[in-house]
Each structure stands twice: as structure tokens, then as C-alpha cells.
Protein backbone atom coordinates (compact mmCIF):
# COMPACT_ATOMS: atom_id res chain seq x y z
CA UNK A 1 6.80 136.85 93.70
CA UNK A 2 4.95 139.32 91.47
CA UNK A 3 0.89 139.37 91.48
CA UNK A 4 -0.49 137.22 89.44
CA UNK A 5 1.95 134.31 90.00
CA UNK A 6 0.71 130.79 88.99
CA UNK A 7 1.66 127.39 90.50
CA UNK A 8 1.10 123.98 89.31
CA UNK A 9 0.31 123.02 93.14
CA UNK A 10 -0.24 125.65 96.00
CA UNK A 11 0.29 124.62 99.32
CA UNK A 12 -1.48 126.80 102.10
CA UNK A 13 0.51 125.81 105.10
CA UNK A 14 3.75 125.06 105.95
CA UNK A 15 3.82 122.71 108.55
CA UNK A 16 5.33 119.22 108.44
CA UNK A 17 2.68 118.12 106.31
CA UNK A 18 1.98 120.85 103.88
CA UNK A 19 5.81 120.83 103.43
CA UNK A 20 6.04 117.01 102.98
CA UNK A 21 3.53 117.03 100.17
CA UNK A 22 5.08 120.01 98.56
CA UNK A 23 8.19 118.10 98.33
CA UNK A 24 6.85 115.12 97.26
CA UNK A 25 4.64 116.73 94.52
CA UNK A 26 8.12 118.50 93.36
CA UNK A 27 9.68 114.92 92.95
CA UNK A 28 6.80 113.95 90.85
CA UNK A 29 7.57 116.49 88.29
CA UNK A 30 4.99 118.88 89.18
CA UNK A 31 6.46 122.32 88.58
CA UNK A 32 6.16 125.67 90.40
CA UNK A 33 5.24 124.14 93.37
CA UNK A 34 4.48 127.09 96.16
CA UNK A 35 4.21 126.93 99.83
CA UNK A 36 2.68 129.83 101.50
CA UNK A 37 2.79 130.11 105.45
CA UNK A 38 4.35 133.32 107.66
CA UNK A 39 6.79 130.78 109.14
CA UNK A 40 7.63 127.76 107.43
CA UNK A 41 8.75 124.69 109.72
CA UNK A 42 5.85 125.91 112.88
CA UNK A 43 2.93 124.61 113.79
CA UNK A 44 2.04 121.15 116.02
CA UNK A 45 4.90 119.32 114.76
CA UNK A 46 7.58 121.77 116.27
CA UNK A 47 6.17 120.77 119.93
CA UNK A 48 5.26 117.18 119.62
CA UNK A 49 7.25 114.51 120.76
CA UNK A 50 7.61 112.33 117.51
CA UNK A 51 6.47 109.15 118.78
CA UNK A 52 6.06 106.90 115.60
CA UNK A 53 3.42 104.39 117.60
CA UNK A 54 0.50 103.03 115.54
CA UNK A 55 0.03 100.08 117.66
CA UNK A 56 0.40 101.77 121.25
CA UNK A 57 -1.71 104.73 120.05
CA UNK A 58 -4.50 102.43 118.78
CA UNK A 59 -8.05 103.33 120.33
CA UNK A 60 -11.00 100.96 119.72
CA UNK A 61 -12.91 101.31 116.44
CA UNK A 62 -9.78 103.17 114.98
CA UNK A 63 -8.89 99.92 112.66
CA UNK A 64 -8.52 101.83 109.11
CA UNK A 65 -6.60 104.49 111.15
CA UNK A 66 -4.27 101.84 112.46
CA UNK A 67 -3.69 100.51 108.80
CA UNK A 68 -2.83 104.03 107.50
CA UNK A 69 -0.65 104.47 110.40
CA UNK A 70 1.20 101.10 109.97
CA UNK A 71 1.50 101.97 106.13
CA UNK A 72 3.22 105.17 107.21
CA UNK A 73 5.35 103.61 110.15
CA UNK A 74 6.80 101.16 107.75
CA UNK A 75 7.70 103.81 105.10
CA UNK A 76 9.76 106.17 108.01
CA UNK A 77 13.01 104.56 107.82
CA UNK A 78 13.21 105.12 104.14
CA UNK A 79 11.56 108.23 103.91
CA UNK A 80 13.96 109.60 106.56
CA UNK A 81 16.93 108.45 104.75
CA UNK A 82 16.01 109.96 101.39
CA UNK A 83 15.17 113.11 103.31
CA UNK A 84 18.83 113.07 104.92
CA UNK A 85 20.25 112.90 101.33
CA UNK A 86 17.95 115.53 99.76
CA UNK A 87 18.49 117.98 102.49
CA UNK A 88 22.21 117.52 101.70
CA UNK A 89 22.78 115.28 105.02
CA UNK A 90 20.44 116.93 107.90
CA UNK A 91 19.75 114.25 110.60
CA UNK A 92 15.88 113.78 111.37
CA UNK A 93 16.38 111.80 114.45
CA UNK A 94 14.32 108.93 113.39
CA UNK A 95 15.53 106.09 115.88
CA UNK A 96 14.27 102.50 116.05
CA UNK A 97 14.21 102.18 119.64
CA UNK A 98 10.56 100.43 120.39
CA UNK A 99 8.05 101.41 122.89
CA UNK A 100 6.54 100.10 126.37
CA UNK A 101 3.33 100.95 127.43
CA UNK A 102 3.10 100.35 131.41
CA UNK A 103 0.13 99.83 133.99
CA UNK A 104 0.63 101.29 137.53
CA UNK A 105 -2.35 99.77 139.10
CA UNK A 106 -4.51 96.84 138.39
CA UNK A 107 -7.36 98.65 137.01
CA UNK A 108 -4.90 99.85 134.41
CA UNK A 109 -3.04 96.45 133.99
CA UNK A 110 -6.63 95.13 133.22
CA UNK A 111 -7.26 97.73 130.40
CA UNK A 112 -3.56 96.92 129.17
CA UNK A 113 -4.37 93.16 129.22
CA UNK A 114 -7.64 94.10 127.23
CA UNK A 115 -5.35 96.08 124.41
CA UNK A 116 -3.08 93.34 124.15
CA UNK A 117 -6.04 90.73 123.28
CA UNK A 118 -6.92 93.20 120.63
CA UNK A 119 -3.69 93.56 119.32
CA UNK A 120 -3.62 89.68 118.95
CA UNK A 121 -7.01 89.79 117.38
CA UNK A 122 -5.86 92.16 114.69
CA UNK A 123 -2.36 89.98 114.55
CA UNK A 124 -0.18 92.87 115.89
CA UNK A 125 3.20 92.51 116.96
CA UNK A 126 3.45 93.18 120.73
CA UNK A 127 4.35 91.31 123.89
CA UNK A 128 2.97 90.83 127.21
CA UNK A 129 5.41 92.12 130.09
CA UNK A 130 5.37 91.31 133.68
CA UNK A 131 6.09 94.48 136.21
CA UNK A 132 9.70 92.79 136.62
CA UNK A 133 9.88 92.11 133.07
CA UNK A 134 9.14 95.99 132.19
CA UNK A 135 11.51 97.19 135.07
CA UNK A 136 14.11 95.12 133.27
CA UNK A 137 14.09 96.82 130.16
CA UNK A 138 13.71 99.96 131.79
CA UNK A 139 15.25 100.04 135.22
CA UNK A 140 13.99 103.33 136.30
CA UNK A 141 10.33 102.60 135.81
CA UNK A 142 8.79 102.73 139.45
CA UNK A 143 8.88 99.54 141.71
CA UNK A 144 4.78 99.75 141.60
CA UNK A 145 4.73 99.14 137.78
CA UNK A 146 2.37 96.08 137.40
CA UNK A 147 2.71 95.32 133.80
CA UNK A 148 3.16 96.33 130.52
CA UNK A 149 3.33 95.76 126.60
CA UNK A 150 6.40 95.73 124.40
CA UNK A 151 5.94 97.21 120.88
CA UNK A 152 9.37 96.71 119.29
CA UNK A 153 8.20 98.52 115.77
CA UNK A 154 6.90 101.66 117.65
CA UNK A 155 9.88 104.15 117.12
CA UNK A 156 10.51 107.78 117.22
CA UNK A 157 11.54 110.75 114.93
CA UNK A 158 12.49 114.27 115.81
CA UNK A 159 9.73 116.40 114.60
CA UNK A 160 12.18 120.08 115.07
CA UNK A 161 15.02 118.18 113.15
CA UNK A 162 12.50 116.57 110.59
CA UNK A 163 10.74 120.14 109.84
CA UNK A 164 14.45 121.42 109.28
CA UNK A 165 15.43 118.83 106.98
CA UNK A 166 12.02 119.34 105.07
CA UNK A 167 12.23 123.05 104.75
CA UNK A 168 15.95 122.43 103.35
CA UNK A 169 14.65 119.76 101.01
CA UNK A 170 12.04 121.60 99.76
CA UNK A 171 14.13 124.69 98.64
CA UNK A 172 16.72 122.25 96.70
CA UNK A 173 13.94 120.71 94.97
CA UNK A 174 12.75 124.10 93.70
CA UNK A 175 9.71 124.47 95.56
CA UNK A 176 9.07 128.18 96.34
CA UNK A 177 8.45 129.02 100.16
CA UNK A 178 6.66 132.27 100.39
CA UNK A 179 6.63 134.14 103.68
CA UNK A 180 3.04 134.97 103.79
CA UNK A 181 -0.69 134.20 105.07
CA UNK A 182 -3.30 132.95 102.87
CA UNK A 183 -6.04 135.53 103.67
CA UNK A 184 -8.89 134.45 100.98
CA UNK A 185 -9.25 131.56 99.05
CA UNK A 186 -10.33 132.62 95.52
CA UNK A 187 -13.18 130.74 93.85
CA UNK A 188 -14.06 131.07 90.35
CA UNK A 189 -17.51 129.68 89.38
CA UNK A 190 -17.49 126.42 91.23
CA UNK A 191 -14.03 125.82 91.35
CA UNK A 192 -10.85 126.77 93.62
CA UNK A 193 -8.34 128.75 91.51
CA UNK A 194 -5.85 130.25 93.94
CA UNK A 195 -5.44 132.75 97.26
CA UNK A 196 -4.91 135.76 98.15
CA UNK A 197 -2.15 136.56 100.26
CA UNK A 198 -1.28 139.13 103.38
CA UNK A 199 1.16 140.73 101.25
CA UNK A 200 -1.76 141.69 98.59
CA UNK A 201 -0.34 139.50 95.96
CA UNK A 202 -2.36 136.51 94.34
CA UNK A 203 -1.09 133.04 93.41
CA UNK A 204 -3.34 130.98 91.09
CA UNK A 205 -2.88 127.14 90.85
CA UNK A 206 -4.62 124.16 89.41
CA UNK A 207 -4.95 122.87 92.49
CA UNK A 208 -4.59 124.12 96.09
CA UNK A 209 -3.70 122.09 98.95
CA UNK A 210 -5.18 123.46 102.16
CA UNK A 211 -2.94 122.15 104.98
CA UNK A 212 -3.22 124.54 107.56
CA UNK A 213 -3.79 122.45 110.58
CA UNK A 214 -6.61 123.35 112.73
CA UNK A 215 -6.82 126.47 111.11
CA UNK A 216 -7.95 125.07 107.88
CA UNK A 217 -11.43 125.66 107.68
CA UNK A 218 -11.28 129.52 108.88
CA UNK A 219 -9.52 130.41 105.60
CA UNK A 220 -11.88 133.09 104.23
CA UNK A 221 -13.63 132.55 101.02
CA UNK A 222 -14.07 128.64 101.64
CA UNK A 223 -17.48 127.70 100.66
CA UNK A 224 -19.74 126.34 103.49
CA UNK A 225 -19.72 122.65 103.44
CA UNK A 226 -16.49 122.27 101.65
CA UNK A 227 -14.48 121.28 104.40
CA UNK A 228 -15.71 119.90 107.94
CA UNK A 229 -14.85 121.96 110.97
CA UNK A 230 -11.21 121.20 112.28
CA UNK A 231 -11.12 122.01 116.23
CA UNK A 232 -7.84 122.86 117.86
CA UNK A 233 -6.89 120.12 120.94
CA UNK A 234 -4.13 121.92 123.13
CA UNK A 235 -1.05 119.72 124.29
CA UNK A 236 1.31 121.07 126.62
CA UNK A 237 4.61 119.08 126.47
CA UNK A 238 7.80 119.58 128.82
CA UNK A 239 11.49 119.01 127.46
CA UNK A 240 14.30 118.05 130.20
CA UNK A 241 17.69 117.44 129.89
CA UNK A 242 19.55 114.32 130.94
CA UNK A 243 22.74 114.82 132.50
CA UNK A 244 25.70 112.36 131.02
CA UNK A 245 26.01 110.78 134.25
CA UNK A 246 22.43 109.89 134.32
CA UNK A 247 22.62 108.08 130.63
CA UNK A 248 20.82 106.11 129.72
CA UNK A 249 17.86 107.23 131.64
CA UNK A 250 15.61 105.55 129.28
CA UNK A 251 16.22 103.38 126.30
CA UNK A 252 12.49 103.35 124.77
CA UNK A 253 9.55 105.41 124.63
CA UNK A 254 7.58 104.81 127.40
CA UNK A 255 3.54 105.46 127.57
CA UNK A 256 1.40 104.93 130.17
CA UNK A 257 -2.33 106.11 131.83
CA UNK A 258 -1.79 107.69 134.98
CA UNK A 259 -5.11 108.87 136.58
CA UNK A 260 -7.29 108.59 133.32
CA UNK A 261 -4.62 110.60 131.30
CA UNK A 262 -2.59 109.23 128.78
CA UNK A 263 1.55 110.02 129.41
CA UNK A 264 4.76 109.53 127.31
CA UNK A 265 8.05 109.82 127.65
CA UNK A 266 10.23 110.22 124.76
CA UNK A 267 14.22 109.75 125.28
CA UNK A 268 16.42 111.53 122.45
CA UNK A 269 19.75 110.24 121.97
CA UNK A 270 21.52 113.87 122.39
CA UNK A 271 19.90 113.78 126.15
CA UNK A 272 16.33 115.44 125.70
CA UNK A 273 13.59 113.53 127.22
CA UNK A 274 9.95 114.33 125.88
CA UNK A 275 7.27 114.49 128.77
CA UNK A 276 3.93 114.81 126.91
CA UNK A 277 0.94 115.69 126.67
CA UNK A 278 -2.05 117.39 128.34
CA UNK A 279 -5.32 117.07 126.29
CA UNK A 280 -7.31 120.47 126.20
CA UNK A 281 -10.36 121.70 124.17
CA UNK A 282 -9.53 125.33 124.83
CA UNK A 283 -10.01 126.79 121.25
CA UNK A 284 -7.19 128.34 120.10
CA UNK A 285 -5.19 129.13 123.31
CA UNK A 286 -1.68 128.16 123.47
CA UNK A 287 -0.52 129.46 127.01
CA UNK A 288 1.72 127.10 129.10
CA UNK A 289 -0.24 126.92 132.49
CA UNK A 290 1.67 126.00 135.69
CA UNK A 291 -1.43 123.28 136.28
CA UNK A 292 -0.33 121.86 132.88
CA UNK A 293 3.12 121.85 133.83
CA UNK A 294 2.42 120.29 137.58
CA UNK A 295 0.53 117.67 136.48
CA UNK A 296 2.99 116.49 133.85
CA UNK A 297 5.50 116.07 135.92
CA UNK A 298 3.53 114.61 138.99
CA UNK A 299 2.46 111.92 136.37
CA UNK A 300 6.02 111.47 135.11
CA UNK A 301 7.24 111.18 138.69
CA UNK A 302 4.75 108.35 139.55
CA UNK A 303 5.81 106.71 136.52
CA UNK A 304 9.49 107.64 136.71
CA UNK A 305 10.33 108.78 140.10
CA UNK A 306 14.11 109.71 139.29
CA UNK A 307 12.30 112.30 136.58
CA UNK A 308 12.38 115.14 139.18
CA UNK A 309 16.26 115.31 139.69
CA UNK A 310 16.38 116.22 135.37
CA UNK A 311 16.66 119.96 134.42
CA UNK A 312 13.64 121.12 132.97
CA UNK A 313 14.85 122.85 129.59
CA UNK A 314 11.62 123.95 127.96
CA UNK A 315 7.77 124.04 128.43
CA UNK A 316 5.60 124.61 125.06
CA UNK A 317 1.97 124.20 123.70
CA UNK A 318 0.73 123.22 120.22
CA UNK A 319 -2.52 122.95 118.87
CA UNK A 320 -3.23 119.53 117.36
CA UNK A 321 -6.13 119.60 114.29
CA UNK A 322 -8.97 117.26 115.26
CA UNK A 323 -11.58 116.32 112.83
CA UNK A 324 -15.19 115.24 113.59
CA UNK A 325 -13.83 111.65 113.69
CA UNK A 326 -10.06 112.36 114.73
CA UNK A 327 -9.18 111.10 111.59
CA UNK A 328 -7.15 112.75 108.77
CA UNK A 329 -9.27 114.58 105.93
CA UNK A 330 -6.83 113.38 102.66
CA UNK A 331 -7.70 114.11 99.12
CA UNK A 332 -10.54 116.33 97.06
CA UNK A 333 -12.93 118.18 98.80
CA UNK A 334 -16.62 118.71 97.19
CA UNK A 335 -15.10 121.82 96.13
CA UNK A 336 -13.31 121.30 92.94
CA UNK A 337 -9.54 122.44 92.55
CA UNK A 338 -9.22 122.42 96.19
CA UNK A 339 -7.44 119.08 98.34
CA UNK A 340 -7.40 118.89 101.92
CA UNK A 341 -4.13 117.41 104.04
CA UNK A 342 -5.50 118.32 107.46
CA UNK A 343 -7.26 116.89 110.58
CA UNK A 344 -4.16 114.68 111.52
CA UNK A 345 -5.14 115.38 115.46
CA UNK A 346 -2.49 113.14 117.07
CA UNK A 347 -0.82 111.31 114.38
CA UNK A 348 0.28 114.41 112.25
CA UNK A 349 4.29 113.56 112.40
CA UNK A 350 3.65 109.78 112.32
CA UNK A 351 1.48 110.02 109.15
CA UNK A 352 3.73 112.44 107.36
CA UNK A 353 5.34 110.10 104.99
CA UNK A 354 2.12 108.38 104.22
CA UNK A 355 0.18 111.69 103.82
CA UNK A 356 3.02 112.74 101.33
CA UNK A 357 3.19 110.10 99.31
CA UNK A 358 -0.91 109.57 98.72
CA UNK A 359 -1.51 113.41 98.17
CA UNK A 360 1.54 113.68 95.42
CA UNK A 361 -0.08 110.61 93.82
CA UNK A 362 -3.26 112.15 93.94
CA UNK A 363 -1.89 115.50 92.38
CA UNK A 364 0.08 113.65 89.81
CA UNK A 365 -2.80 111.65 88.25
CA UNK A 366 -6.05 112.67 89.55
CA UNK A 367 -6.85 109.28 90.94
CA UNK A 368 -7.20 109.17 94.62
CA UNK A 369 -5.21 105.96 96.25
CA UNK A 370 -7.05 103.34 97.59
CA UNK A 371 -5.32 103.76 101.22
CA UNK A 372 -6.73 107.20 101.10
CA UNK A 373 -10.27 106.51 99.92
CA UNK A 374 -11.60 106.20 103.82
CA UNK A 375 -9.74 109.58 104.54
CA UNK A 376 -11.16 111.70 101.88
CA UNK A 377 -13.20 114.88 103.22
CA UNK A 378 -16.36 113.80 101.42
CA UNK A 379 -17.02 111.35 103.87
CA UNK A 380 -18.70 113.43 106.00
CA UNK A 381 -21.19 114.83 103.21
CA UNK A 382 -24.91 113.55 103.30
CA UNK A 383 -24.89 111.28 100.90
CA UNK A 384 -21.20 109.91 101.25
CA UNK A 385 -20.86 106.26 101.34
CA UNK A 386 -20.91 104.61 104.81
CA UNK A 387 -17.57 103.39 105.03
CA UNK A 388 -15.99 105.58 107.68
CA UNK A 389 -12.49 106.42 108.32
CA UNK A 390 -13.11 105.43 111.93
CA UNK A 391 -16.22 103.28 112.89
């Protein structure tokens, strides 16, 4: 790529969000879309389990985020089908399987009861299960399961397959995937104009999309206050393999709170079982620790005792990008020319379709879509309106 190359859109960050935004932008007719990243298709999504669970992930005070997540979940089936076609037939692993959240003791059951009542007040589709009903749906659950929730529309996708399909779809759409690191944001006057790369090349662009996950706010040249700090939140994840003789081991996603820690098990149709995830405020460390592996296996065994009979195929750790309010940063920043698509925290894979659509709409016509307005980065400025992404 020659020095001084110009783009309509420069995307800094080639993870699931950056790739999806670039693909949609190219589809919207924006020419010369460039994504810069040392390793396209990497980032936290390559470690993530891929639960699409806006209802069972819901926490109190996150109603705007719930609406965004449900809008994305509703788009996922068509998004996955379109991506498969655009990538020449690559499967994303999208699966309509539903999710159950279960309680292992009376305190957890009461917490789930309160969550179910909250779901009902919001008009969400979740059904209460007795312990017996939960075990009937998933016979491998521990005998001590005291109750749970069944959410039929919380599904899953395979993030690694999703990333592979996005890389291919971008290439087929004419997006230039440049293997380089953006080492400096270029600013001319009061406007972002491009980036200098680790290859000593420069790219200038009409719009720069910052989609570098937990590294977004660390980009040299980014003016102070243009983007709030994004903190890295470490998550350790296990991948086990279910032998043919043990299938079906689980038929749907299973969530629980064990010893105060959130746990999930995501079974793939290919026999993989993903167990996660720890939540650790450890800076940019991605070391897999014996303690993290032990805690996940211990808690998973309490939930599904037969899990310790399965081969352990992989351990991994990734960094979730958390904003100050744990909601994503979507749309224009206070620096003209610079657009944010970061801070998705635990919902990056879930929010991929809606993020791509909203950002592509903004890049194409310059108007912030209504659904994105609670999530613009400028909400953290001192004179911003009081409406927040999560109250």
C-alpha cells in the first residue's frame, strides 16, 4: 500500500466489530474501505463463547442496553445467512437453541425469581422452571438444581467461524485488510484525518472508525477527552470436547451463578463445549492461570457433574473492552472525523450486527440513528444530556 493512500473509511481494529463495520460500509457504497490490524480476525471474539443472550445477560438498570441487544439478536439469523452467502458459503455456527439459567441453592433461586419478575415487568419472554422441569430439559444438570428460567430466544453463534466469514466477506466486498498497527492518529487542526502505521505508511481518510477494543483510548495522537478510557477485563475460557458416545450432552446454553460468580456452558453442534468465563480486572494480562482453570472446572462440575469426564481441548484468555458504564461507544466522538465502535464489554459478539448497521448508516449519511443515540461517546462530556446508556 503506497504512502499517502486515501480511504473513504479507515477502520482501526480488525476484530469482529471492525470487520463487520467495514463490510457493511462497503455494502453501503463507501469506496476504499481500509482495515488496519496486525492480525485480522483476532481480539476478544476469538476467545468468546458466542452466547446471544440479551435477556439472560440483563442486569438491573441496563434497559437501553437490553433494547440494543434485542435489536441485534433479532437481526442475527438474517445477518448470519447473508454473511454465509457473502463469504462463499462459510458457516458462522449460528444456532437457535435457547438458554436456561438455573439456581443451585435457595438464595440463587430467589435471585432468579426476582429476575423473572423483572423480565415480566419489561414484557420479555422468559418462563419459570422448577428444578425438575430444568432437569427434564437438560438431564445432565446436577440433582440439586433448585429452579431456573427458560429463554427460548437467547441463542448462540461460533465467534471463530464468524470472524473467518467476516474476513472473507470483507475481501470479497473489496475491503483492503492491511496487516499493520496504527501507531498514531493524525489530526489536522480540529479534525482527525488518518493514521500513521507501523510500516511507516500513512492513510488519510474522510472518516476514521476506532474499533480497537480495550486499546482504543491508548492510540497515540488521540486528543485528551476525545474518548473515555476503555478498561480491559480479562476472561478465561475453557473448551472441552464431547465424545460421540456422550452426545447430546447439553442441548442449549446453560447459565448459573455459582459462589457468586457467573458461569455459562455453550454446547456446539460439532461437539465442542465452551465453559466461561472469569471476570478479572488485571490490566492487559492474558495469562491463563491454574486458579482460573480450576475455578471454572470446579463450578462447572457443581452445575453439571459429568463435565469432568470430558477431554479438555483448550484454555484461553481474552480482554473484554469495558467503557465507564459498561455500554458500547457508538458514533461520532467530540473530535470531528473520528467515529467510535468500541467498549462493548461482554456483548461484543451479540452486538455485532446492530453495531455494523448503525455505524454504516452514520458513515453513509452523517446522521446518528435513533437506536445509537444513547450510546454516543459524547455522553460522558460534562455538558452532555442526562440520558445515559445504562442508568
